């Protein structure tokens, strides 16, 4: 029974604009005549910093109820109205952009004007507004954070690192910056530095779940599973419904083939009351990993139009379905999934440089490489799998495990093609990241998809 799985590109969590704003430095101004509304809004901003999204939306919405003219609160509360329909969201948006911006603070005005430019796809105007705002207010942490987040989303990690370091210099307690710096260093393979940033984050915010969750992701990537379990459990002690920690526990246990532990994670998450969507994602992960490990290709293909694999995203179930199709020689299904992935990639490319672009590109190349390997085109397969490795990184646990999985298949392919030196060089690089993955790969006979040695 093979225990290897990979992580879907779509599982990568993208932090939204508001998600990286932290607790307000003392004395910051927000335009409202209601002290009660201001208190709710500031509590919402603190919840955003903690990555407690549902709590934040509830607090922002309460701020709007207390002061219906609180423009920036309405801006941040918009997502909470989606359950009432898009018309309600549009009405809130119209209310925000029709506010008298001259009565707002420069920061509030910038946030709303820039959001309007992005909404209208005037990206150059949005960039100009941000640059001008930062030039006029170089020490405003919110504006500096917006600029750092922009570079983060665009995948400009060196510039993002510089900006987050500047943010920490200006406001050492702007804690989410430590989180971002940890991820950036993970992505660049600087794991010791990443650990220092995550531990600093944990030290400054020991009462929050996210510092422990982020550190747990690093430990998963490095194969330090006992430490990962301990720190993720600590995140859930602090906030029992912190869904990301359940996701990472499920990823770790399923990747290691301990599906009983994965099922216990799901039961624990359900008891904690996490959202139905998050619970469904965990259930799909467990089901498809079970099928994958049992090489139950027929069951996987029979479920191709089911809830887990349905749609055009390059998700976990979809890539497992592609593997199943390749295993049984159903090339039409495999190529159809590759075509869907290519369309997703084209859509991401059209939006310009982004953090997710490399992951989606790598995932698409991985699919093609796997099919070519099964078809016996080892040269084409190696080309695509190498390219996938170049595009994937270690920035989060999901993409890190995916990169390691892709590397194992590439090593297996190289050995099958008689390229032993390159294969063992690749294994050496993998061992420096996660020695346990390589040890298990060696115990399995250096095989993942069952290629025959030449």
Protein backbone atom coordinates (compact mmCIF):
# COMPACT_ATOMS: atom_id res chain seq x y z
CA UNK A 1 0.00 0.00 0.00
CA UNK A 2 1.45 3.32 -1.03
CA UNK A 3 1.07 6.10 1.51
CA UNK A 4 2.02 9.09 -0.63
CA UNK A 5 -0.40 11.89 -1.34
CA UNK A 6 0.04 15.42 -2.66
CA UNK A 7 -1.56 18.69 -1.78
CA UNK A 8 -3.86 20.56 -4.12
CA UNK A 9 -2.85 23.98 -5.39
CA UNK A 10 -6.29 25.26 -4.54
CA UNK A 11 -5.75 24.36 -0.88
CA UNK A 12 -3.24 27.17 -0.48
CA UNK A 13 -4.70 29.77 1.79
CA UNK A 14 -4.54 33.32 0.36
CA UNK A 15 -4.74 35.99 3.05
CA UNK A 16 -7.24 38.67 2.13
CA UNK A 17 -6.67 42.41 2.46
CA UNK A 18 -8.21 42.79 5.88
CA UNK A 19 -6.76 39.58 7.21
CA UNK A 20 -3.34 40.99 7.90
CA UNK A 21 -4.38 44.15 9.65
CA UNK A 22 -3.50 43.98 13.30
CA UNK A 23 -4.59 45.52 16.56
CA UNK A 24 -4.69 49.29 16.36
CA UNK A 25 -1.72 51.28 17.65
CA UNK A 26 -2.89 53.72 20.28
CA UNK A 27 -4.22 57.00 19.02
CA UNK A 28 -5.21 55.91 15.51
CA UNK A 29 -8.28 57.65 14.13
CA UNK A 30 -11.35 56.14 12.53
CA UNK A 31 -14.26 58.35 11.57
CA UNK A 32 -17.32 57.71 13.72
CA UNK A 33 -19.27 59.73 16.29
CA UNK A 34 -20.12 56.58 18.24
CA UNK A 35 -17.65 55.40 20.89
CA UNK A 36 -19.55 52.11 21.04
CA UNK A 37 -19.20 51.59 17.28
CA UNK A 38 -15.51 52.46 17.47
CA UNK A 39 -14.98 49.90 20.23
CA UNK A 40 -16.65 47.18 18.15
CA UNK A 41 -14.65 48.15 15.07
CA UNK A 42 -11.34 48.10 16.92
CA UNK A 43 -12.24 44.71 18.39
CA UNK A 44 -12.96 43.55 14.84
CA UNK A 45 -9.57 44.73 13.67
CA UNK A 46 -7.99 42.84 16.56
CA UNK A 47 -9.91 39.72 15.54
CA UNK A 48 -8.64 40.15 11.98
CA UNK A 49 -5.10 40.21 13.31
CA UNK A 50 -5.80 36.99 15.15
CA UNK A 51 -7.11 35.43 11.89
CA UNK A 52 -10.50 34.98 13.58
CA UNK A 53 -12.47 35.90 10.48
CA UNK A 54 -15.98 35.03 11.63
CA UNK A 55 -15.51 36.97 14.87
CA UNK A 56 -14.17 39.94 12.94
CA UNK A 57 -17.13 40.04 10.57
CA UNK A 58 -19.58 39.86 13.46
CA UNK A 59 -17.84 42.78 15.19
CA UNK A 60 -17.63 44.90 12.03
CA UNK A 61 -21.30 44.32 11.41
CA UNK A 62 -22.13 45.35 14.97
CA UNK A 63 -20.13 48.54 14.45
CA UNK A 64 -22.28 49.35 11.40
CA UNK A 65 -25.45 48.70 13.36
CA UNK A 66 -24.30 51.13 16.03
CA UNK A 67 -23.29 53.76 13.45
CA UNK A 68 -24.88 53.31 9.99
CA UNK A 69 -22.66 56.13 8.67
CA UNK A 70 -19.39 54.45 9.72
CA UNK A 71 -17.97 54.11 6.19
CA UNK A 72 -14.81 52.12 6.89
CA UNK A 73 -16.73 49.71 9.13
CA UNK A 74 -19.18 49.10 6.29
CA UNK A 75 -16.25 48.42 3.98
CA UNK A 76 -14.84 45.73 6.27
CA UNK A 77 -18.29 44.30 7.09
CA UNK A 78 -19.34 43.66 3.49
CA UNK A 79 -18.49 39.96 3.50
CA UNK A 80 -20.84 39.39 6.41
CA UNK A 81 -23.77 40.35 4.18
CA UNK A 82 -23.11 37.75 1.48
CA UNK A 83 -25.52 35.31 3.08
CA UNK A 84 -28.25 37.87 2.38
CA UNK A 85 -27.48 37.90 -1.34
CA UNK A 86 -25.29 39.84 -3.74
CA UNK A 87 -27.82 42.66 -3.95
CA UNK A 88 -27.25 43.41 -0.28
CA UNK A 89 -23.48 43.38 -0.78
CA UNK A 90 -23.78 45.70 -3.77
CA UNK A 91 -25.96 48.05 -1.76
CA UNK A 92 -23.34 48.15 0.99
CA UNK A 93 -20.62 48.79 -1.59
CA UNK A 94 -22.59 51.63 -3.14
CA UNK A 95 -23.03 53.11 0.32
CA UNK A 96 -19.29 52.94 0.98
CA UNK A 97 -18.16 54.57 -2.25
CA UNK A 98 -20.85 57.27 -2.04
CA UNK A 99 -19.60 58.39 1.37
CA UNK A 100 -18.13 61.87 1.65
CA UNK A 101 -14.47 60.92 1.52
CA UNK A 102 -13.34 64.41 2.48
CA UNK A 103 -14.73 63.81 5.96
CA UNK A 104 -12.59 60.71 6.40
CA UNK A 105 -8.99 60.36 7.54
CA UNK A 106 -6.34 60.10 4.81
CA UNK A 107 -5.94 56.41 5.57
CA UNK A 108 -9.67 55.68 5.32
CA UNK A 109 -9.88 57.68 2.11
CA UNK A 110 -6.96 55.73 0.62
CA UNK A 111 -8.42 52.35 1.57
CA UNK A 112 -11.76 53.14 -0.05
CA UNK A 113 -10.41 54.90 -3.16
CA UNK A 114 -7.93 52.10 -3.79
CA UNK A 115 -10.63 49.46 -3.30
CA UNK A 116 -12.85 51.29 -5.78
CA UNK A 117 -10.03 51.41 -8.34
CA UNK A 118 -9.45 47.68 -7.95
CA UNK A 119 -13.19 47.00 -8.18
CA UNK A 120 -13.27 48.93 -11.46
CA UNK A 121 -10.10 47.12 -12.67
CA UNK A 122 -8.09 50.33 -12.72
CA UNK A 123 -4.99 48.61 -11.37
CA UNK A 124 -2.57 51.35 -12.36
CA UNK A 125 -4.66 53.90 -10.47
CA UNK A 126 -4.80 51.58 -7.45
CA UNK A 127 -1.02 51.23 -7.49
CA UNK A 128 -0.54 55.00 -7.85
CA UNK A 129 -2.87 55.72 -4.93
CA UNK A 130 -0.97 53.33 -2.70
CA UNK A 131 2.42 54.73 -3.69
CA UNK A 132 1.24 58.29 -3.09
CA UNK A 133 -0.30 57.34 0.24
CA UNK A 134 2.90 55.68 1.40
CA UNK A 135 5.00 58.64 0.26
CA UNK A 136 2.76 61.06 2.19
CA UNK A 137 2.52 58.85 5.29
CA UNK A 138 5.64 56.63 5.35
CA UNK A 139 5.18 55.68 8.99
CA UNK A 140 1.50 54.82 8.87
CA UNK A 141 1.52 51.09 9.68
CA UNK A 142 -1.76 50.41 7.91
CA UNK A 143 -0.55 51.92 4.65
CA UNK A 144 2.85 50.23 4.94
CA UNK A 145 1.07 46.96 5.61
CA UNK A 146 -1.09 47.43 2.53
CA UNK A 147 2.03 47.88 0.41
CA UNK A 148 3.73 44.85 1.99
CA UNK A 149 0.62 42.77 1.40
CA UNK A 150 0.45 43.88 -2.22
CA UNK A 151 3.99 42.65 -2.88
CA UNK A 152 3.21 39.42 -0.97
CA UNK A 153 0.20 38.69 -3.17
CA UNK A 154 2.24 39.44 -6.29
CA UNK A 155 4.93 36.96 -5.26
CA UNK A 156 7.56 39.70 -4.90
CA UNK A 157 8.95 38.09 -1.77
CA UNK A 158 12.22 40.00 -1.47
CA UNK A 159 10.39 43.33 -1.52
CA UNK A 160 7.68 41.97 0.78
CA UNK A 161 10.39 40.89 3.22
CA UNK A 162 11.94 44.36 3.19
CA UNK A 163 8.59 46.03 3.82
CA UNK A 164 7.57 43.69 6.63
CA UNK A 165 10.94 44.20 8.29
CA UNK A 166 10.35 47.95 8.05
CA UNK A 167 6.90 47.46 9.57
CA UNK A 168 8.41 45.56 12.51
CA UNK A 169 10.94 48.38 13.02
CA UNK A 170 8.19 50.99 13.15
CA UNK A 171 5.74 48.94 15.22
CA UNK A 172 7.37 45.93 16.92
CA UNK A 173 3.98 44.73 18.16
CA UNK A 174 2.46 44.61 14.69
CA UNK A 175 2.47 40.88 15.17
CA UNK A 176 1.17 39.60 11.83
CA UNK A 177 4.34 40.90 10.19
CA UNK A 178 6.29 38.17 12.01
CA UNK A 179 3.89 35.63 10.54
CA UNK A 180 4.45 36.91 7.01
CA UNK A 181 8.22 37.00 7.48
CA UNK A 182 8.10 33.41 8.68
CA UNK A 183 6.24 32.30 5.56
CA UNK A 184 8.53 34.26 3.26
CA UNK A 185 11.57 32.57 4.78
CA UNK A 186 9.87 29.17 4.49
CA UNK A 187 9.26 29.84 0.81
CA UNK A 188 12.92 30.67 0.30
CA UNK A 189 14.04 27.54 2.13
CA UNK A 190 15.49 29.50 5.07
CA UNK A 191 13.88 27.28 7.67
CA UNK A 192 15.93 28.32 10.72
CA UNK A 193 15.06 31.97 10.08
CA UNK A 194 11.42 31.05 9.55
CA UNK A 195 11.35 29.27 12.90
CA UNK A 196 12.78 32.33 14.64
CA UNK A 197 10.10 34.58 13.18
CA UNK A 198 7.29 32.18 14.06
CA UNK A 199 8.64 31.80 17.59
CA UNK A 200 8.85 35.59 17.92
CA UNK A 201 5.22 35.75 16.78
CA UNK A 202 4.30 33.15 19.39
CA UNK A 203 6.23 34.99 22.10
CA UNK A 204 4.51 38.31 21.39
CA UNK A 205 1.03 36.80 20.97
CA UNK A 206 0.91 33.68 23.17
CA UNK A 207 -2.85 34.00 23.63
CA UNK A 208 -3.59 33.64 19.89
CA UNK A 209 -4.08 30.44 17.91
CA UNK A 210 -2.43 31.50 14.66
CA UNK A 211 1.19 31.73 15.88
CA UNK A 212 1.00 28.10 16.99
CA UNK A 213 -0.70 27.07 13.75
CA UNK A 214 1.96 28.74 11.59
CA UNK A 215 4.78 27.16 13.59
CA UNK A 216 2.99 23.83 13.19
CA UNK A 217 3.07 24.24 9.41
CA UNK A 218 6.83 24.68 9.53
CA UNK A 219 7.24 21.57 11.67
CA UNK A 220 5.11 19.55 9.22
CA UNK A 221 7.27 20.71 6.34
CA UNK A 222 10.45 19.67 8.16
CA UNK A 223 9.09 16.29 9.30
CA UNK A 224 9.07 17.31 12.96
CA UNK A 225 5.67 15.72 13.38
CA UNK A 226 5.57 15.34 17.16
CA UNK A 227 6.33 19.04 17.57
CA UNK A 228 3.73 19.85 14.91
CA UNK A 229 1.09 17.82 16.76
CA UNK A 230 1.89 19.55 20.04
CA UNK A 231 1.83 23.09 18.68
CA UNK A 232 -1.31 22.56 16.58
CA UNK A 233 -3.07 21.06 19.60
CA UNK A 234 -2.07 24.19 21.50
CA UNK A 235 -3.68 26.36 18.80
CA UNK A 236 -6.91 24.44 19.29
CA UNK A 237 -6.72 24.75 23.07
CA UNK A 238 -6.66 28.52 22.58
CA UNK A 239 -9.44 28.55 19.98
CA UNK A 240 -11.25 25.20 19.54
CA UNK A 241 -12.89 26.23 16.25
CA UNK A 242 -9.68 27.43 14.56
CA UNK A 243 -10.27 25.54 11.32
CA UNK A 244 -6.77 25.99 9.86
CA UNK A 245 -5.24 23.91 12.66
CA UNK A 246 -7.65 21.05 11.88
CA UNK A 247 -6.71 21.33 8.21
CA UNK A 248 -3.01 21.08 9.00
CA UNK A 249 -3.49 18.17 11.40
CA UNK A 250 -5.49 16.35 8.73
CA UNK A 251 -2.83 17.06 6.10
CA UNK A 252 -0.07 15.77 8.35
CA UNK A 253 -1.82 12.59 9.46
CA UNK A 254 -3.09 11.69 6.01
CA UNK A 255 0.28 12.38 4.39
CA UNK A 256 1.82 10.00 6.90
CA UNK A 257 -0.81 7.35 6.19
CA UNK A 258 -2.41 7.50 9.66
CA UNK A 259 -6.00 7.74 8.47
CA UNK A 260 -7.42 6.73 11.84
CA UNK A 261 -5.81 9.86 13.23
CA UNK A 262 -7.26 11.85 10.31
CA UNK A 263 -10.74 10.59 11.17
CA UNK A 264 -10.25 11.62 14.79
CA UNK A 265 -9.27 15.10 13.59
CA UNK A 266 -12.49 15.28 11.55
CA UNK A 267 -14.59 14.16 14.52
CA UNK A 268 -12.88 16.73 16.70
CA UNK A 269 -13.46 19.47 14.11
CA UNK A 270 -17.14 18.57 13.78
CA UNK A 271 -17.60 18.66 17.55
CA UNK A 272 -15.96 22.10 17.61
CA UNK A 273 -18.51 23.40 15.10
CA UNK A 274 -16.27 24.44 12.21
CA UNK A 275 -18.05 25.44 9.02
CA UNK A 276 -19.70 22.83 6.81
CA UNK A 277 -17.44 23.77 3.93
CA UNK A 278 -14.25 23.33 5.96
CA UNK A 279 -15.54 20.03 7.34
CA UNK A 280 -16.38 18.82 3.83
CA UNK A 281 -12.82 19.59 2.69
CA UNK A 282 -11.41 17.47 5.51
CA UNK A 283 -13.80 14.63 4.70
CA UNK A 284 -12.82 14.72 1.02
CA UNK A 285 -9.15 14.61 1.98
CA UNK A 286 -9.70 11.51 4.12
CA UNK A 287 -11.86 9.74 1.54
CA UNK A 288 -9.56 10.30 -1.42
CA UNK A 289 -6.46 9.45 0.60
CA UNK A 290 -8.11 6.19 1.63
CA UNK A 291 -8.86 5.36 -2.00
CA UNK A 292 -5.42 6.47 -3.15
CA UNK A 293 -3.61 4.32 -0.60
CA UNK A 294 -5.74 1.31 -1.55
CA UNK A 295 -5.20 2.03 -5.27
CA UNK A 296 -8.99 1.98 -5.61
CA UNK A 297 -8.86 3.59 -9.03
CA UNK A 298 -12.37 2.53 -10.09
CA UNK A 299 -13.96 4.10 -7.01
CA UNK A 300 -12.06 7.33 -7.62
CA UNK A 301 -13.15 7.52 -11.25
CA UNK A 302 -16.74 6.68 -10.34
CA UNK A 303 -16.74 9.71 -8.03
CA UNK A 304 -15.34 12.08 -10.68
CA UNK A 305 -18.59 14.06 -10.84
CA UNK A 306 -19.13 13.96 -7.09
CA UNK A 307 -19.01 16.83 -4.65
CA UNK A 308 -15.28 16.50 -3.91
CA UNK A 309 -13.95 16.36 -7.48
CA UNK A 310 -16.60 18.40 -9.25
CA UNK A 311 -15.68 21.78 -10.70
CA UNK A 312 -12.70 23.21 -12.52
CA UNK A 313 -10.33 23.96 -9.64
CA UNK A 314 -7.09 22.00 -9.32
CA UNK A 315 -8.09 20.52 -6.00
CA UNK A 316 -6.99 17.43 -4.10
CA UNK A 317 -9.75 15.19 -5.40
CA UNK A 318 -9.27 16.36 -8.99
CA UNK A 319 -5.57 15.55 -9.03
CA UNK A 320 -6.25 12.15 -7.44
CA UNK A 321 -8.77 11.51 -10.19
CA UNK A 322 -6.09 12.38 -12.75
CA UNK A 323 -3.71 9.90 -11.12
CA UNK A 324 -6.39 7.21 -11.17
CA UNK A 325 -7.06 7.86 -14.85
CA UNK A 326 -3.35 7.53 -15.64
CA UNK A 327 -3.08 4.33 -13.59
CA UNK A 328 -5.78 2.62 -15.67
CA UNK A 329 -4.81 4.21 -19.00
CA UNK A 330 -7.86 6.45 -19.27
CA UNK A 331 -5.96 9.11 -21.19
CA UNK A 332 -9.07 11.00 -22.26
CA UNK A 333 -10.04 11.72 -18.65
CA UNK A 334 -6.46 12.58 -17.72
CA UNK A 335 -6.10 15.04 -20.61
CA UNK A 336 -9.49 16.61 -19.88
CA UNK A 337 -8.33 17.38 -16.34
CA UNK A 338 -5.07 18.80 -17.72
CA UNK A 339 -7.04 21.04 -20.07
CA UNK A 340 -9.14 22.29 -17.18
CA UNK A 341 -5.96 23.00 -15.22
CA UNK A 342 -4.52 24.90 -18.17
CA UNK A 343 -7.62 27.10 -18.27
CA UNK A 344 -7.26 27.84 -14.57
CA UNK A 345 -3.61 28.70 -15.16
CA UNK A 346 -4.48 31.01 -18.07
CA UNK A 347 -7.01 32.80 -15.88
CA UNK A 348 -4.43 33.30 -13.11
CA UNK A 349 -1.81 34.48 -15.61
CA UNK A 350 -4.26 36.99 -17.07
CA UNK A 351 -4.56 38.67 -13.68
CA UNK A 352 -0.83 39.37 -13.65
CA UNK A 353 1.96 38.34 -11.27
CA UNK A 354 0.66 36.66 -8.12
CA UNK A 355 1.76 34.45 -5.28
CA UNK A 356 -0.51 31.66 -6.46
CA UNK A 357 0.76 31.72 -10.04
CA UNK A 358 3.79 29.52 -9.38
CA UNK A 359 1.72 27.00 -7.46
CA UNK A 360 -0.94 26.73 -10.17
CA UNK A 361 1.72 26.52 -12.87
CA UNK A 362 3.58 23.84 -10.91
CA UNK A 363 0.38 21.87 -10.32
CA UNK A 364 -0.43 21.94 -14.04
CA UNK A 365 3.08 20.80 -14.98
CA UNK A 366 2.86 18.04 -12.38
CA UNK A 367 -0.29 16.65 -14.02
CA UNK A 368 1.33 16.53 -17.45
CA UNK A 369 4.51 15.02 -16.03
CA UNK A 370 2.64 12.22 -14.28
CA UNK A 371 0.70 11.29 -17.42
CA UNK A 372 3.83 11.29 -19.59
CA UNK A 373 5.58 9.08 -17.04
CA UNK A 374 2.78 6.54 -17.22
CA UNK A 375 2.85 6.72 -21.01
CA UNK A 376 6.58 5.98 -21.04
CA UNK A 377 7.76 9.40 -22.25
CA UNK A 378 10.40 9.79 -19.58
CA UNK A 379 12.12 12.75 -21.22
CA UNK A 380 8.92 14.80 -21.42
CA UNK A 381 7.84 13.68 -17.95
CA UNK A 382 11.15 14.71 -16.38
CA UNK A 383 11.00 18.10 -18.10
CA UNK A 384 7.56 18.81 -16.66
CA UNK A 385 8.28 17.45 -13.18
CA UNK A 386 11.51 19.47 -12.96
CA UNK A 387 9.60 22.58 -14.00
CA UNK A 388 6.93 21.82 -11.40
CA UNK A 389 9.63 21.65 -8.73
CA UNK A 390 10.97 25.03 -9.82
CA UNK A 391 7.53 26.63 -9.54
CA UNK A 392 6.47 25.03 -6.27
CA UNK A 393 7.98 26.21 -3.00
CA UNK A 394 7.88 25.56 0.75
CA UNK A 395 5.92 28.67 1.68
CA UNK A 396 3.12 26.76 3.43
CA UNK A 397 2.63 23.17 4.56
CA UNK A 398 0.30 22.34 1.69
CA UNK A 399 2.60 23.45 -1.11
CA UNK A 400 5.62 22.09 0.75
CA UNK A 401 4.20 18.57 0.90
CA UNK A 402 3.11 18.86 -2.72
CA UNK A 403 6.65 19.83 -3.73
CA UNK A 404 8.10 16.89 -1.78
CA UNK A 405 5.61 14.53 -3.41
CA UNK A 406 6.45 15.85 -6.88
CA UNK A 407 10.15 15.42 -6.06
CA UNK A 408 9.61 11.79 -5.11
CA UNK A 409 7.92 11.04 -8.41
CA UNK A 410 10.72 12.83 -10.25
CA UNK A 411 13.33 10.79 -8.35
CA UNK A 412 11.46 7.57 -9.17
CA UNK A 413 11.33 8.59 -12.84
CA UNK A 414 15.03 9.43 -12.98
CA UNK A 415 15.92 6.07 -11.45
CA UNK A 416 13.68 4.29 -13.94
CA UNK A 417 15.45 6.14 -16.74
CA UNK A 418 18.91 5.26 -15.44
CA UNK A 419 19.75 8.79 -14.28
CA UNK A 420 20.86 7.66 -10.83
CA UNK A 421 23.23 10.54 -10.09
CA UNK A 422 20.56 13.20 -10.60
CA UNK A 423 18.04 11.13 -8.65
CA UNK A 424 20.28 10.78 -5.62
CA UNK A 425 21.23 14.45 -5.78
CA UNK A 426 17.54 15.27 -5.64
CA UNK A 427 17.05 12.90 -2.70
CA UNK A 428 19.89 14.65 -0.87
CA UNK A 429 18.15 18.01 -1.28
CA UNK A 430 14.87 16.53 -0.06
CA UNK A 431 16.61 14.94 2.93
CA UNK A 432 17.90 18.35 4.02
CA UNK A 433 14.28 19.52 4.23
CA UNK A 434 12.35 16.50 5.51
CA UNK A 435 14.49 13.42 6.25
CA UNK A 436 11.49 11.36 7.34
CA UNK A 437 9.84 11.67 3.93
CA UNK A 438 13.00 10.40 2.24
CA UNK A 439 13.39 7.55 4.76
CA UNK A 440 9.84 6.35 4.07
CA UNK A 441 10.37 6.76 0.34
CA UNK A 442 13.46 4.56 0.58
CA UNK A 443 11.58 2.01 2.69
CA UNK A 444 8.94 1.84 -0.07
CA UNK A 445 11.59 0.84 -2.58
CA UNK A 446 11.90 4.36 -4.01
CA UNK A 447 8.56 4.04 -5.76
CA UNK A 448 5.40 6.13 -5.68
CA UNK A 449 3.56 5.44 -8.93
CA UNK A 450 5.12 2.08 -9.75
CA UNK A 451 7.47 2.83 -12.66
CA UNK A 452 9.65 -0.09 -13.74
CA UNK A 453 13.40 0.31 -13.60
CA UNK A 454 15.14 0.36 -16.96
